[in-house]
């Protein structure tokens, strides 16, 4: 868990990297953001973030770039801030269609108590992504066919409240396709029943 200052510095570095596509130095962060600390302390924070796996540095005097772990942290923090506390059941059941139409993502929602599961978006995801080869395409189709079984298998591990997780590439417990990201979250309906939502992009 990152403390507040490390979180602010990492978020600033991600913002700058996304904006410029270039490695970001402590001097650039010092010039553009007011963290209330000197450049040497920013360098120390960046070194610690690198040691923790959030950043990498191509060579000693270069700036730093975010790793997949940093993007996962950023997505998790952003999504947690926007995550609704409760949803009405019809809204919950429309989530897969919304993700498919609005984001071109494949999605599934599982209302645990009702044993209701809905998935949508395979065709949108297949159309949107350049799959490169037939094996990648076959894997995403297999993921779609088996996602309900895989989700049911890992639900016991998803027991914590306010769960939200992000997986990039092969880290996902739900997919085998290597070139996708998975957002996994729980939400609650107006009856107090828990559901699991997954989106694959």
Protein backbone atom coordinates (compact mmCIF):
# COMPACT_ATOMS: atom_id res chain seq x y z
CA UNK A 1 0.00 0.00 0.00
CA UNK A 2 1.43 3.36 -1.03
CA UNK A 3 1.37 6.28 1.36
CA UNK A 4 -0.22 9.58 0.30
CA UNK A 5 2.99 11.25 -0.91
CA UNK A 6 4.15 8.21 -2.91
CA UNK A 7 0.65 7.96 -4.43
CA UNK A 8 0.71 11.62 -5.48
CA UNK A 9 4.17 11.27 -7.02
CA UNK A 10 3.26 8.07 -8.87
CA UNK A 11 0.03 9.61 -10.18
CA UNK A 12 1.95 12.69 -11.39
CA UNK A 13 4.56 10.53 -13.11
CA UNK A 14 1.84 8.46 -14.81
CA UNK A 15 0.08 11.65 -15.94
CA UNK A 16 3.29 13.04 -17.42
CA UNK A 17 4.23 9.76 -19.07
CA UNK A 18 0.77 9.39 -20.63
CA UNK A 19 0.91 13.03 -21.80
CA UNK A 20 4.41 12.91 -23.34
CA UNK A 21 5.29 9.25 -23.91
CA UNK A 22 8.75 10.06 -22.50
CA UNK A 23 10.57 8.90 -19.36
CA UNK A 24 9.92 11.34 -16.49
CA UNK A 25 12.67 12.78 -14.28
CA UNK A 26 12.50 14.03 -10.71
CA UNK A 27 13.40 17.53 -12.00
CA UNK A 28 10.36 17.53 -14.31
CA UNK A 29 8.09 16.48 -11.45
CA UNK A 30 9.59 19.15 -9.18
CA UNK A 31 9.05 21.85 -11.83
CA UNK A 32 5.46 20.88 -12.69
CA UNK A 33 4.01 19.75 -9.32
CA UNK A 34 4.07 21.07 -5.77
CA UNK A 35 4.72 18.12 -3.48
CA UNK A 36 6.17 20.35 -0.76
CA UNK A 37 9.53 18.52 -0.88
CA UNK A 38 12.92 19.08 -2.50
CA UNK A 39 14.07 17.31 -5.72
CA UNK A 40 16.35 14.97 -3.74
CA UNK A 41 13.35 13.69 -1.79
CA UNK A 42 11.40 13.19 -5.03
CA UNK A 43 14.37 11.16 -6.35
CA UNK A 44 14.31 9.06 -3.18
CA UNK A 45 10.56 8.43 -3.56
CA UNK A 46 11.06 7.47 -7.23
CA UNK A 47 13.85 5.06 -6.24
CA UNK A 48 11.55 3.45 -3.67
CA UNK A 49 8.71 3.19 -6.23
CA UNK A 50 11.17 1.54 -8.61
CA UNK A 51 12.29 -0.89 -5.90
CA UNK A 52 8.63 -1.74 -5.23
CA UNK A 53 8.06 -2.54 -8.92
CA UNK A 54 5.98 0.48 -9.97
CA UNK A 55 8.67 2.14 -12.11
CA UNK A 56 11.65 1.19 -14.22
CA UNK A 57 14.66 3.10 -15.45
CA UNK A 58 16.33 2.31 -18.78
CA UNK A 59 19.73 3.53 -17.57
CA UNK A 60 21.09 5.34 -14.52
CA UNK A 61 20.68 8.98 -15.56
CA UNK A 62 17.39 8.47 -17.41
CA UNK A 63 13.97 9.35 -16.13
CA UNK A 64 11.59 6.61 -15.10
CA UNK A 65 8.66 4.97 -16.85
CA UNK A 66 5.67 3.19 -15.30
CA UNK A 67 5.42 -0.61 -15.25
CA UNK A 68 2.29 -2.74 -15.66
CA UNK A 69 2.07 -2.74 -11.85
CA UNK A 70 1.83 1.09 -11.91
CA UNK A 71 -0.93 1.00 -14.53
CA UNK A 72 -2.80 -1.62 -12.50
CA UNK A 73 -2.52 0.61 -9.41
CA UNK A 74 -3.70 3.66 -11.39
CA UNK A 75 -6.69 1.83 -12.86
CA UNK A 76 -7.61 0.35 -9.48
CA UNK A 77 -7.45 3.76 -7.75
CA UNK A 78 -9.42 5.49 -10.51
CA UNK A 79 -12.10 2.81 -10.67
CA UNK A 80 -12.46 2.59 -6.89
CA UNK A 81 -13.15 6.32 -6.73
CA UNK A 82 -15.89 5.98 -9.37
CA UNK A 83 -17.38 2.69 -8.17
CA UNK A 84 -21.05 3.04 -7.13
CA UNK A 85 -22.04 1.82 -3.66
CA UNK A 86 -25.25 0.10 -4.81
CA UNK A 87 -27.06 -0.57 -8.07
CA UNK A 88 -30.64 -1.50 -8.85
CA UNK A 89 -30.99 -5.05 -10.18
CA UNK A 90 -31.97 -4.00 -13.74
CA UNK A 91 -28.93 -1.67 -13.89
CA UNK A 92 -26.71 -4.49 -12.71
CA UNK A 93 -28.04 -6.85 -15.37
CA UNK A 94 -27.36 -4.25 -18.09
CA UNK A 95 -23.66 -3.90 -17.21
CA UNK A 96 -22.37 -6.43 -19.80
CA UNK A 97 -24.33 -4.76 -22.62
CA UNK A 98 -23.11 -1.32 -21.53
CA UNK A 99 -19.46 -2.42 -21.50
CA UNK A 100 -19.89 -4.07 -24.91
CA UNK A 101 -21.56 -1.08 -26.57
CA UNK A 102 -19.75 1.81 -24.89
CA UNK A 103 -16.26 0.38 -24.46
CA UNK A 104 -16.01 -2.49 -26.94
CA UNK A 105 -15.26 -4.74 -23.98
CA UNK A 106 -16.36 -8.24 -23.12
CA UNK A 107 -18.10 -8.34 -19.74
CA UNK A 108 -19.85 -10.67 -17.34
CA UNK A 109 -21.98 -10.06 -14.26
CA UNK A 110 -22.74 -12.79 -11.73
CA UNK A 111 -25.49 -12.22 -9.18
CA UNK A 112 -24.36 -14.79 -6.65
CA UNK A 113 -27.52 -15.29 -4.55
CA UNK A 114 -29.77 -15.62 -7.62
CA UNK A 115 -27.24 -17.76 -9.49
CA UNK A 116 -27.80 -15.42 -12.44
CA UNK A 117 -24.99 -14.81 -14.89
CA UNK A 118 -24.96 -12.71 -18.03
CA UNK A 119 -22.10 -12.13 -20.46
CA UNK A 120 -21.82 -10.00 -23.57
CA UNK A 121 -19.33 -8.28 -25.83
CA UNK A 122 -17.32 -11.02 -27.54
CA UNK A 123 -18.05 -9.70 -31.04
CA UNK A 124 -17.20 -6.10 -30.02
CA UNK A 125 -13.89 -7.18 -28.49
CA UNK A 126 -12.99 -9.33 -31.50
CA UNK A 127 -13.75 -6.46 -33.91
CA UNK A 128 -11.86 -3.83 -31.88
CA UNK A 129 -8.59 -5.65 -31.27
CA UNK A 130 -5.93 -6.68 -33.79
CA UNK A 131 -5.38 -10.24 -32.61
CA UNK A 132 -2.25 -10.88 -34.65
CA UNK A 133 -2.75 -14.61 -34.99
CA UNK A 134 -5.43 -17.26 -34.85
CA UNK A 135 -4.19 -18.67 -31.54
CA UNK A 136 -4.85 -15.36 -29.73
CA UNK A 137 -8.33 -15.18 -31.26
CA UNK A 138 -9.05 -18.81 -30.31
CA UNK A 139 -7.99 -18.06 -26.72
CA UNK A 140 -10.33 -15.07 -26.36
CA UNK A 141 -13.24 -17.12 -27.74
CA UNK A 142 -12.39 -19.89 -25.27
CA UNK A 143 -12.21 -17.27 -22.49
CA UNK A 144 -15.72 -16.10 -23.38
CA UNK A 145 -17.09 -19.65 -23.40
CA UNK A 146 -15.49 -20.57 -20.06
CA UNK A 147 -15.54 -17.28 -18.14
CA UNK A 148 -18.60 -18.19 -16.07
CA UNK A 149 -16.93 -21.42 -14.89
CA UNK A 150 -13.65 -19.63 -14.14
CA UNK A 151 -15.47 -16.88 -12.26
CA UNK A 152 -17.38 -19.43 -10.18
CA UNK A 153 -14.06 -21.16 -9.33
CA UNK A 154 -12.44 -18.01 -7.95
CA UNK A 155 -15.46 -16.47 -6.19
CA UNK A 156 -14.44 -17.93 -2.83
CA UNK A 157 -11.19 -15.97 -3.10
CA UNK A 158 -13.14 -12.80 -3.83
CA UNK A 159 -14.75 -12.64 -0.41
CA UNK A 160 -13.38 -9.27 0.67
CA UNK A 161 -15.67 -6.25 0.65
CA UNK A 162 -15.11 -3.43 -1.83
CA UNK A 163 -13.01 -5.71 -3.96
CA UNK A 164 -11.65 -4.23 -7.16
CA UNK A 165 -8.70 -5.63 -9.04
CA UNK A 166 -6.97 -5.05 -12.34
CA UNK A 167 -4.90 -7.59 -14.26
CA UNK A 168 -2.80 -6.82 -17.33
CA UNK A 169 -1.87 -9.64 -19.68
CA UNK A 170 -1.25 -13.13 -18.37
CA UNK A 171 -1.80 -12.34 -14.66
CA UNK A 172 -5.58 -12.69 -14.96
CA UNK A 173 -7.30 -15.62 -13.22
CA UNK A 174 -10.19 -15.36 -15.71
CA UNK A 175 -8.51 -15.29 -19.11
CA UNK A 176 -5.83 -17.14 -21.03
CA UNK A 177 -5.53 -14.62 -23.88
CA UNK A 178 -2.22 -12.79 -23.29
CA UNK A 179 -3.13 -9.41 -24.81
CA UNK A 180 -6.09 -8.39 -22.68
CA UNK A 181 -6.67 -6.51 -19.44
CA UNK A 182 -9.25 -7.61 -16.89
CA UNK A 183 -11.12 -5.41 -14.41
CA UNK A 184 -12.75 -7.40 -11.63
CA UNK A 185 -15.03 -5.82 -9.02
CA UNK A 186 -17.87 -6.56 -6.68
CA UNK A 187 -20.99 -4.47 -6.28
CA UNK A 188 -24.18 -4.63 -4.27
CA UNK A 189 -27.80 -4.35 -5.34
CA UNK A 190 -30.59 -2.55 -3.49
CA UNK A 191 -31.49 -5.84 -1.74
CA UNK A 192 -28.00 -6.10 -0.22
CA UNK A 193 -27.00 -8.97 -2.51
CA UNK A 194 -23.43 -9.12 -3.79
CA UNK A 195 -22.51 -9.51 -7.45
CA UNK A 196 -19.19 -9.89 -9.24
CA UNK A 197 -18.53 -7.90 -12.41
CA UNK A 198 -15.66 -8.55 -14.82
CA UNK A 199 -14.73 -6.54 -17.92
CA UNK A 200 -12.15 -7.71 -20.44
CA UNK A 201 -10.58 -5.20 -22.81
